[in-house]
Structure formats: structure tokens, C-alpha cells
Protein backbone atom coordinates (compact mmCIF):
# COMPACT_ATOMS: atom_id res chain seq x y z
CA MET A 1 -4.80 -1.55 -31.61
CA ASN A 2 -6.63 -2.23 -28.08
CA LEU A 3 -4.80 -1.83 -25.09
CA HIS A 4 -7.29 -2.41 -22.43
CA PRO A 5 -7.49 -5.64 -20.60
CA SER A 6 -9.22 -8.29 -23.14
CA THR A 7 -8.33 -10.96 -21.02
CA PHE A 8 -8.97 -12.22 -17.11
CA TRP A 9 -6.99 -11.45 -14.49
CA GLN A 10 -4.01 -13.78 -14.00
CA ARG A 11 -3.51 -15.26 -10.62
CA GLU A 12 -0.85 -17.86 -11.30
CA CYS A 13 2.59 -17.49 -13.31
CA THR A 14 1.91 -18.72 -17.31
CA LEU A 15 5.22 -19.24 -17.75
CA CYS A 16 5.35 -16.97 -20.98
CA GLY A 17 8.76 -15.61 -20.02
CA ALA A 18 7.39 -12.02 -21.14
CA CYS A 19 8.22 -10.71 -17.90
CA CYS A 20 11.49 -11.63 -17.89
CA VAL A 21 12.58 -10.02 -21.32
CA ALA A 22 10.45 -6.95 -21.43
CA PRO A 23 10.76 -4.38 -18.87
CA ASP A 24 14.48 -3.72 -17.74
CA ILE A 25 15.46 -5.37 -14.72
CA SER A 26 17.58 -3.24 -13.17
CA ALA A 27 19.09 -5.40 -9.82
CA LEU A 28 20.06 -7.67 -12.68
CA GLN A 29 21.13 -5.34 -14.73
CA LYS A 30 18.94 -6.48 -17.38
CA PRO A 31 18.18 -3.80 -20.26
CA LEU A 32 14.53 -3.27 -22.04
CA GLY A 33 13.48 -6.11 -24.53
CA LEU A 34 16.52 -8.29 -23.95
CA ALA A 35 16.41 -11.73 -21.86
CA CYS A 36 17.21 -12.00 -18.52
CA ARG A 37 20.45 -14.38 -18.41
CA HIS A 38 18.62 -16.51 -16.21
CA LEU A 39 15.52 -17.56 -18.97
CA ASP A 40 16.09 -20.72 -19.77
CA ALA A 41 14.54 -22.12 -23.61
CA GLY A 42 11.19 -23.20 -21.47
CA CYS A 43 10.91 -19.42 -20.01
CA ARG A 44 12.19 -20.51 -16.39
CA CYS A 45 14.19 -18.96 -14.07
CA THR A 46 17.59 -20.42 -13.95
CA ASN A 47 18.28 -18.27 -10.82
CA TYR A 48 14.40 -19.00 -9.44
CA ARG A 49 15.88 -19.49 -5.37
CA GLN A 50 17.78 -16.97 -5.27
CA ARG A 51 16.12 -13.81 -7.52
CA PRO A 52 15.73 -10.54 -6.97
CA PRO A 53 13.52 -8.66 -4.87
CA VAL A 54 12.32 -7.12 -7.83
CA CYS A 55 11.67 -10.63 -9.76
CA ARG A 56 10.16 -12.22 -6.20
CA ASN A 57 7.39 -9.71 -5.74
CA TYR A 58 6.40 -9.94 -8.91
CA THR A 59 2.56 -10.39 -9.38
CA PRO A 60 1.73 -11.40 -12.55
CA ASP A 61 -1.84 -9.53 -14.12
CA TRP A 62 -4.43 -8.72 -16.39
CA VAL A 63 -1.10 -8.53 -18.86
CA CYS A 64 0.52 -12.08 -18.27
CA GLY A 65 -3.04 -13.14 -19.31
CA GLU A 66 -3.24 -10.71 -22.47
CA VAL A 67 0.68 -11.92 -23.55
CA ALA A 68 0.34 -15.63 -22.05
CA PRO A 69 -1.62 -17.23 -25.25
CA LEU A 70 0.31 -15.50 -27.88
CA PRO A 71 2.64 -18.25 -30.09
CA THR A 72 5.96 -17.02 -29.30
CA LEU A 73 7.71 -15.15 -27.01
CA GLU A 74 8.94 -12.26 -29.54
CA LEU A 75 5.42 -11.80 -30.04
CA ARG A 76 4.52 -11.80 -26.13
CA VAL A 77 7.66 -9.26 -25.73
CA ALA A 78 5.85 -6.97 -28.60
CA ARG A 79 2.38 -6.98 -26.75
CA TYR A 80 4.24 -6.61 -23.63
CA LEU A 81 6.00 -3.07 -24.63
CA GLU A 82 3.10 -2.33 -26.98
CA ILE A 83 1.05 -2.12 -24.02
CA TYR A 84 2.56 -0.54 -21.54
CA GLY A 85 3.84 1.95 -24.68
CA LEU A 86 7.42 0.90 -24.58
CA ALA A 87 10.10 0.22 -27.40
CA ALA A 88 11.96 -2.13 -27.72
CA PRO A 89 15.80 -1.22 -28.22
CA PRO A 90 16.61 -1.55 -32.51
CA ASP A 91 18.27 -4.85 -33.60
CA GLY A 92 21.63 -4.38 -33.93
């Protein structure tokens, strides 16, 4: 699969939710591949005003443009992990 950017650079959040699920976020004790406890069903942060610096300083980039068009959060997270060469935790 092609891992190089095929989409335009994203400068605005697309509310795809991938950055709140795919990476580990130690400031929130959130492991790799599992949804942040603050992510709601609409892929919005329920802790937005008090979010930690790692989330506050995140800047949308080409990866956001690459994953956002995918139809489900599961597919967006899988693609995000693939781009960064990360593996999701096994089910169970």
C-alpha cells in the first residue's frame, strides 16, 4: 500500500477522530489504538477546554486529509496506524 501523502495538507480539524484513538496519549493514560475516554460518538472531545498540551498542540496535517475521507472511525484508525507503522492491540 502507498504510505506517501496522496492528499492535500489539512490545516483544519476534520473531526475524523483518528488522532483521539490511534496514538497513545500518556497524559491521558490512553493506550495505542483505543479511544480516548473523552471522545464522544460524534468524534468530538468532551474535555476540549481542559485537554492536555499534547492534544492542544496537535496540528492537523496530511495524515488527517488521508484518513478523514474513510467512511468509519475503525478504517480511519487502521489507516493512521498503517501510515505510522504502528500496530493496533490484538482484540480480546
